[in-house]
Amino acid sequence: MWDSFKKLLGLGPKVPRISPKEAQEKLRQGAVLIDVRTPLERKLSKIPGSQGLPLAELAKRWESLPKDKPIICQCESGSRSQQAAEFLAEKGFEAYNLAGGISAWQAAGLPVKKGDIKR
């Protein structure tokens, strides 16, 4: 209950929101990009080099992430990834949220791998 109260007051960890260009630079320097969308969303499109770790599984699998590298969280628009980045920051990670998610990444002209799902 205290954690919920802290979040309401904005007392939780402050996680930086970074632009796609800033994220790209951090990735060049060794950061890890975690895609917290669902597996189906990742089949439709994904950022090359990203690792899939759905938000629903993060609480069970966060310990598999490297503690010695910055973690950039990404979703479709930046909402779910904000939750993921805050969770990881609480666990001691250097975490960032990709502002605008994969949509902003693509709008910035950065590479996105499209899936082959037939509609």
N, C-alpha and C. Protein backbone atom coordinates (compact mmCIF):
# COMPACT_ATOMS: atom_id res chain seq x y z
N MET A 1 0.81 -1.19 0.00
CA MET A 1 0.00 0.00 0.00
C MET A 1 0.86 1.26 0.00
N TRP A 2 1.96 1.24 0.75
CA TRP A 2 2.84 2.40 0.80
C TRP A 2 3.40 2.71 -0.59
N ASP A 3 3.74 1.66 -1.39
CA ASP A 3 4.26 1.88 -2.73
C ASP A 3 3.24 2.61 -3.60
N SER A 4 1.98 2.24 -3.49
CA SER A 4 0.93 2.91 -4.27
C SER A 4 0.80 4.37 -3.85
N PHE A 5 0.89 4.62 -2.56
CA PHE A 5 0.79 5.98 -2.04
C PHE A 5 1.97 6.82 -2.54
N LYS A 6 3.18 6.23 -2.52
CA LYS A 6 4.36 6.95 -3.00
C LYS A 6 4.20 7.31 -4.47
N LYS A 7 3.66 6.38 -5.26
CA LYS A 7 3.47 6.65 -6.69
C LYS A 7 2.48 7.79 -6.90
N LEU A 8 1.40 7.79 -6.12
CA LEU A 8 0.41 8.87 -6.23
C LEU A 8 1.03 10.23 -5.95
N LEU A 9 1.95 10.26 -5.01
CA LEU A 9 2.60 11.52 -4.65
C LEU A 9 3.81 11.83 -5.52
N GLY A 10 4.14 10.91 -6.44
CA GLY A 10 5.30 11.13 -7.29
C GLY A 10 6.61 10.94 -6.57
N LEU A 11 6.61 10.09 -5.54
CA LEU A 11 7.82 9.89 -4.74
C LEU A 11 8.64 8.67 -5.18
N GLY A 12 8.17 8.00 -6.20
CA GLY A 12 8.91 6.84 -6.69
C GLY A 12 10.16 7.27 -7.42
N PRO A 13 10.89 6.31 -7.95
CA PRO A 13 12.12 6.66 -8.66
C PRO A 13 11.83 7.51 -9.89
N LYS A 14 12.65 8.50 -10.11
CA LYS A 14 12.51 9.33 -11.30
C LYS A 14 13.29 8.65 -12.42
N VAL A 15 12.58 8.24 -13.45
CA VAL A 15 13.20 7.55 -14.57
C VAL A 15 13.27 8.51 -15.74
N PRO A 16 14.47 8.75 -16.26
CA PRO A 16 14.58 9.66 -17.39
C PRO A 16 13.87 9.13 -18.64
N ARG A 17 13.16 10.01 -19.30
CA ARG A 17 12.59 9.71 -20.62
C ARG A 17 13.60 10.20 -21.64
N ILE A 18 13.98 9.33 -22.56
CA ILE A 18 14.97 9.73 -23.55
C ILE A 18 14.39 9.61 -24.96
N SER A 19 14.89 10.45 -25.84
CA SER A 19 14.44 10.46 -27.23
C SER A 19 15.00 9.26 -27.98
N PRO A 20 14.43 8.94 -29.13
CA PRO A 20 15.00 7.85 -29.93
C PRO A 20 16.48 8.06 -30.26
N LYS A 21 16.87 9.28 -30.59
CA LYS A 21 18.28 9.55 -30.92
C LYS A 21 19.17 9.34 -29.69
N GLU A 22 18.70 9.78 -28.51
CA GLU A 22 19.47 9.56 -27.28
C GLU A 22 19.57 8.06 -26.98
N ALA A 23 18.48 7.34 -27.21
CA ALA A 23 18.49 5.89 -26.98
C ALA A 23 19.46 5.21 -27.92
N GLN A 24 19.46 5.63 -29.17
CA GLN A 24 20.37 5.04 -30.14
C GLN A 24 21.83 5.23 -29.71
N GLU A 25 22.15 6.40 -29.19
CA GLU A 25 23.52 6.67 -28.72
C GLU A 25 23.85 5.79 -27.50
N LYS A 26 22.92 5.64 -26.58
CA LYS A 26 23.16 4.78 -25.41
C LYS A 26 23.35 3.33 -25.85
N LEU A 27 22.59 2.90 -26.86
CA LEU A 27 22.74 1.54 -27.37
C LEU A 27 24.13 1.34 -27.97
N ARG A 28 24.63 2.34 -28.67
CA ARG A 28 25.99 2.27 -29.23
C ARG A 28 27.03 2.13 -28.12
N GLN A 29 26.71 2.70 -26.96
CA GLN A 29 27.63 2.66 -25.82
C GLN A 29 27.44 1.41 -24.96
N GLY A 30 26.55 0.51 -25.35
CA GLY A 30 26.41 -0.76 -24.64
C GLY A 30 25.14 -0.97 -23.85
N ALA A 31 24.20 -0.03 -23.91
CA ALA A 31 22.93 -0.21 -23.20
C ALA A 31 22.15 -1.37 -23.83
N VAL A 32 21.19 -1.88 -23.07
CA VAL A 32 20.33 -2.98 -23.52
C VAL A 32 18.92 -2.42 -23.72
N LEU A 33 18.30 -2.78 -24.84
CA LEU A 33 16.94 -2.33 -25.15
C LEU A 33 15.96 -3.47 -24.88
N ILE A 34 15.04 -3.23 -23.94
CA ILE A 34 14.04 -4.22 -23.57
C ILE A 34 12.68 -3.78 -24.11
N ASP A 35 12.07 -4.63 -24.90
CA ASP A 35 10.74 -4.39 -25.47
C ASP A 35 9.73 -5.07 -24.55
N VAL A 36 8.89 -4.27 -23.88
CA VAL A 36 7.96 -4.84 -22.90
C VAL A 36 6.57 -5.10 -23.48
N ARG A 37 6.45 -5.02 -24.80
CA ARG A 37 5.16 -5.33 -25.44
C ARG A 37 4.93 -6.84 -25.46
N THR A 38 3.76 -7.24 -25.91
CA THR A 38 3.42 -8.66 -25.98
C THR A 38 4.16 -9.33 -27.13
N PRO A 39 4.29 -10.66 -27.08
CA PRO A 39 4.92 -11.36 -28.19
C PRO A 39 4.23 -11.09 -29.54
N LEU A 40 2.91 -10.97 -29.55
CA LEU A 40 2.20 -10.68 -30.80
C LEU A 40 2.60 -9.31 -31.35
N GLU A 41 2.69 -8.32 -30.48
CA GLU A 41 3.12 -6.99 -30.93
C GLU A 41 4.52 -7.04 -31.53
N ARG A 42 5.41 -7.82 -30.90
CA ARG A 42 6.78 -7.94 -31.42
C ARG A 42 6.81 -8.65 -32.77
N LYS A 43 5.86 -9.56 -33.01
CA LYS A 43 5.82 -10.23 -34.31
C LYS A 43 5.44 -9.24 -35.42
N LEU A 44 4.66 -8.23 -35.07
CA LEU A 44 4.25 -7.23 -36.07
C LEU A 44 5.40 -6.29 -36.43
N SER A 45 6.16 -5.86 -35.42
CA SER A 45 7.30 -4.98 -35.65
C SER A 45 8.16 -4.95 -34.40
N LYS A 46 9.46 -4.72 -34.62
CA LYS A 46 10.36 -4.60 -33.49
C LYS A 46 11.59 -3.80 -33.89
N ILE A 47 12.22 -3.25 -32.88
CA ILE A 47 13.47 -2.54 -33.09
C ILE A 47 14.59 -3.59 -33.15
N PRO A 48 15.37 -3.60 -34.22
CA PRO A 48 16.45 -4.58 -34.31
C PRO A 48 17.36 -4.51 -33.09
N GLY A 49 17.68 -5.68 -32.55
CA GLY A 49 18.55 -5.76 -31.39
C GLY A 49 17.84 -5.70 -30.05
N SER A 50 16.54 -5.40 -30.08
CA SER A 50 15.79 -5.35 -28.82
C SER A 50 15.55 -6.76 -28.31
N GLN A 51 15.39 -6.86 -26.99
CA GLN A 51 15.08 -8.14 -26.35
C GLN A 51 13.64 -8.08 -25.85
N GLY A 52 12.87 -9.10 -26.14
CA GLY A 52 11.50 -9.15 -25.67
C GLY A 52 11.41 -9.61 -24.23
N LEU A 53 10.75 -8.81 -23.41
CA LEU A 53 10.45 -9.16 -22.02
C LEU A 53 9.13 -8.48 -21.68
N PRO A 54 8.01 -9.17 -21.96
CA PRO A 54 6.70 -8.55 -21.75
C PRO A 54 6.53 -8.01 -20.33
N LEU A 55 5.86 -6.88 -20.23
CA LEU A 55 5.63 -6.25 -18.92
C LEU A 55 5.01 -7.24 -17.94
N ALA A 56 4.10 -8.10 -18.42
CA ALA A 56 3.44 -9.08 -17.55
C ALA A 56 4.42 -10.08 -16.95
N GLU A 57 5.59 -10.26 -17.56
CA GLU A 57 6.58 -11.22 -17.07
C GLU A 57 7.76 -10.56 -16.35
N LEU A 58 7.80 -9.25 -16.37
CA LEU A 58 8.96 -8.54 -15.83
C LEU A 58 9.22 -8.87 -14.36
N ALA A 59 8.19 -8.91 -13.54
CA ALA A 59 8.37 -9.17 -12.11
C ALA A 59 8.97 -10.55 -11.86
N LYS A 60 8.80 -11.50 -12.79
CA LYS A 60 9.33 -12.85 -12.62
C LYS A 60 10.73 -13.00 -13.23
N ARG A 61 11.05 -12.15 -14.24
CA ARG A 61 12.27 -12.39 -15.01
C ARG A 61 13.29 -11.25 -14.94
N TRP A 62 13.06 -10.24 -14.12
CA TRP A 62 13.96 -9.08 -14.11
C TRP A 62 15.39 -9.44 -13.71
N GLU A 63 15.57 -10.49 -12.92
CA GLU A 63 16.91 -10.85 -12.44
C GLU A 63 17.80 -11.37 -13.56
N SER A 64 17.22 -11.70 -14.71
CA SER A 64 18.04 -12.18 -15.84
C SER A 64 18.69 -11.02 -16.60
N LEU A 65 18.31 -9.78 -16.27
CA LEU A 65 18.87 -8.61 -16.96
C LEU A 65 20.23 -8.24 -16.38
N PRO A 66 21.13 -7.73 -17.23
CA PRO A 66 22.46 -7.36 -16.73
C PRO A 66 22.41 -6.10 -15.86
N LYS A 67 22.97 -6.18 -14.67
CA LYS A 67 22.99 -5.04 -13.74
C LYS A 67 24.07 -4.03 -14.10
N ASP A 68 25.03 -4.46 -14.91
CA ASP A 68 26.17 -3.59 -15.21
C ASP A 68 26.00 -2.76 -16.49
N LYS A 69 24.80 -2.78 -17.07
CA LYS A 69 24.53 -2.02 -18.29
C LYS A 69 23.25 -1.22 -18.11
N PRO A 70 23.19 -0.03 -18.71
CA PRO A 70 21.92 0.70 -18.68
C PRO A 70 20.84 -0.08 -19.43
N ILE A 71 19.62 0.01 -18.93
CA ILE A 71 18.48 -0.66 -19.56
C ILE A 71 17.53 0.40 -20.10
N ILE A 72 17.21 0.31 -21.37
CA ILE A 72 16.22 1.19 -21.99
C ILE A 72 14.97 0.36 -22.20
N CYS A 73 13.86 0.82 -21.64
CA CYS A 73 12.59 0.11 -21.79
C CYS A 73 11.78 0.76 -22.92
N GLN A 74 11.12 -0.06 -23.69
CA GLN A 74 10.40 0.40 -24.87
C GLN A 74 9.10 -0.37 -25.02
N CYS A 75 8.04 0.34 -25.41
CA CYS A 75 6.77 -0.30 -25.75
C CYS A 75 6.26 0.37 -27.03
N GLU A 76 4.96 0.45 -27.21
CA GLU A 76 4.41 1.08 -28.40
C GLU A 76 4.49 2.60 -28.33
N SER A 77 4.10 3.16 -27.17
CA SER A 77 4.01 4.62 -27.06
C SER A 77 4.77 5.21 -25.88
N GLY A 78 5.24 4.39 -24.97
CA GLY A 78 6.02 4.88 -23.83
C GLY A 78 5.33 4.75 -22.49
N SER A 79 4.10 4.27 -22.46
CA SER A 79 3.37 4.15 -21.19
C SER A 79 3.77 2.90 -20.40
N ARG A 80 3.67 1.74 -21.03
CA ARG A 80 4.05 0.49 -20.35
C ARG A 80 5.53 0.49 -20.03
N SER A 81 6.32 1.04 -20.93
CA SER A 81 7.77 1.06 -20.69
C SER A 81 8.13 1.98 -19.53
N GLN A 82 7.33 3.00 -19.26
CA GLN A 82 7.56 3.86 -18.09
C GLN A 82 7.39 3.02 -16.82
N GLN A 83 6.34 2.21 -16.78
CA GLN A 83 6.12 1.34 -15.63
C GLN A 83 7.29 0.37 -15.45
N ALA A 84 7.75 -0.20 -16.58
CA ALA A 84 8.85 -1.16 -16.52
C ALA A 84 10.13 -0.48 -16.04
N ALA A 85 10.42 0.69 -16.55
CA ALA A 85 11.64 1.40 -16.16
C ALA A 85 11.60 1.78 -14.68
N GLU A 86 10.46 2.19 -14.19
CA GLU A 86 10.33 2.52 -12.77
C GLU A 86 10.54 1.28 -11.91
N PHE A 87 9.98 0.16 -12.34
CA PHE A 87 10.17 -1.10 -11.61
C PHE A 87 11.65 -1.45 -11.55
N LEU A 88 12.34 -1.35 -12.69
CA LEU A 88 13.76 -1.71 -12.73
C LEU A 88 14.60 -0.72 -11.91
N ALA A 89 14.24 0.54 -11.94
CA ALA A 89 14.97 1.53 -11.14
C ALA A 89 14.84 1.20 -9.66
N GLU A 90 13.66 0.75 -9.24
CA GLU A 90 13.46 0.35 -7.84
C GLU A 90 14.34 -0.84 -7.47
N LYS A 91 14.69 -1.65 -8.46
CA LYS A 91 15.54 -2.82 -8.24
C LYS A 91 17.03 -2.48 -8.36
N GLY A 92 17.34 -1.22 -8.59
CA GLY A 92 18.73 -0.80 -8.63
C GLY A 92 19.36 -0.67 -10.00
N PHE A 93 18.56 -0.81 -11.06
CA PHE A 93 19.09 -0.68 -12.41
C PHE A 93 19.17 0.78 -12.82
N GLU A 94 20.09 1.08 -13.72
CA GLU A 94 20.11 2.37 -14.41
C GLU A 94 19.12 2.20 -15.56
N ALA A 95 17.92 2.73 -15.39
CA ALA A 95 16.84 2.49 -16.35
C ALA A 95 16.37 3.78 -17.00
N TYR A 96 15.97 3.65 -18.26
CA TYR A 96 15.46 4.76 -19.05
C TYR A 96 14.18 4.32 -19.75
N ASN A 97 13.34 5.29 -20.06
CA ASN A 97 12.12 5.04 -20.82
C ASN A 97 12.28 5.68 -22.19
N LEU A 98 12.06 4.92 -23.25
CA LEU A 98 12.09 5.46 -24.60
C LEU A 98 10.80 6.25 -24.82
N ALA A 99 10.92 7.57 -24.80
CA ALA A 99 9.75 8.45 -24.95
C ALA A 99 9.10 8.21 -26.30
N GLY A 100 7.81 7.91 -26.28
CA GLY A 100 7.08 7.69 -27.53
C GLY A 100 7.18 6.29 -28.08
N GLY A 101 8.00 5.45 -27.45
CA GLY A 101 8.11 4.04 -27.83
C GLY A 101 8.57 3.81 -29.26
N ILE A 102 8.19 2.65 -29.77
CA ILE A 102 8.60 2.26 -31.12
C ILE A 102 7.99 3.21 -32.16
N SER A 103 6.85 3.80 -31.84
CA SER A 103 6.24 4.76 -32.76
C SER A 103 7.16 5.96 -32.98
N ALA A 104 7.72 6.50 -31.90
CA ALA A 104 8.63 7.64 -32.00
C ALA A 104 9.93 7.22 -32.68
N TRP A 105 10.40 6.01 -32.38
CA TRP A 105 11.62 5.48 -32.98
C TRP A 105 11.46 5.46 -34.51
N GLN A 106 10.34 4.93 -34.96
CA GLN A 106 10.08 4.84 -36.40
C GLN A 106 9.91 6.24 -37.01
N ALA A 107 9.21 7.12 -36.32
CA ALA A 107 9.00 8.49 -36.79
C ALA A 107 10.32 9.25 -36.91
N ALA A 108 11.32 8.86 -36.12
CA ALA A 108 12.63 9.49 -36.17
C ALA A 108 13.48 8.94 -37.32
N GLY A 109 12.91 8.00 -38.08
CA GLY A 109 13.62 7.44 -39.22
C GLY A 109 14.60 6.34 -38.86
N LEU A 110 14.46 5.80 -37.65
CA LEU A 110 15.35 4.72 -37.21
C LEU A 110 14.78 3.37 -37.64
N PRO A 111 15.63 2.36 -37.75
CA PRO A 111 15.18 1.08 -38.32
C PRO A 111 14.20 0.31 -37.45
N VAL A 112 13.20 -0.24 -38.11
CA VAL A 112 12.21 -1.11 -37.48
C VAL A 112 12.05 -2.33 -38.38
N LYS A 113 12.11 -3.51 -37.78
CA LYS A 113 11.92 -4.74 -38.54
C LYS A 113 10.44 -5.09 -38.52
N LYS A 114 9.85 -5.18 -39.69
CA LYS A 114 8.43 -5.52 -39.81
C LYS A 114 8.28 -7.03 -39.84
N GLY A 115 7.20 -7.50 -39.20
CA GLY A 115 6.93 -8.93 -39.15
C GLY A 115 6.27 -9.42 -40.42
N ASP A 116 5.99 -10.71 -40.43
CA ASP A 116 5.40 -11.31 -41.62
C ASP A 116 4.05 -11.93 -41.32
N ILE A 117 3.32 -11.35 -40.37
CA ILE A 117 2.01 -11.88 -40.03
C ILE A 117 1.02 -11.52 -41.13
N LYS A 118 0.30 -12.52 -41.59
CA LYS A 118 -0.70 -12.32 -42.64
C LYS A 118 -1.99 -11.85 -41.99
N ARG A 119 -2.63 -10.87 -42.57
CA ARG A 119 -3.91 -10.37 -42.03
C ARG A 119 -5.04 -10.72 -42.95
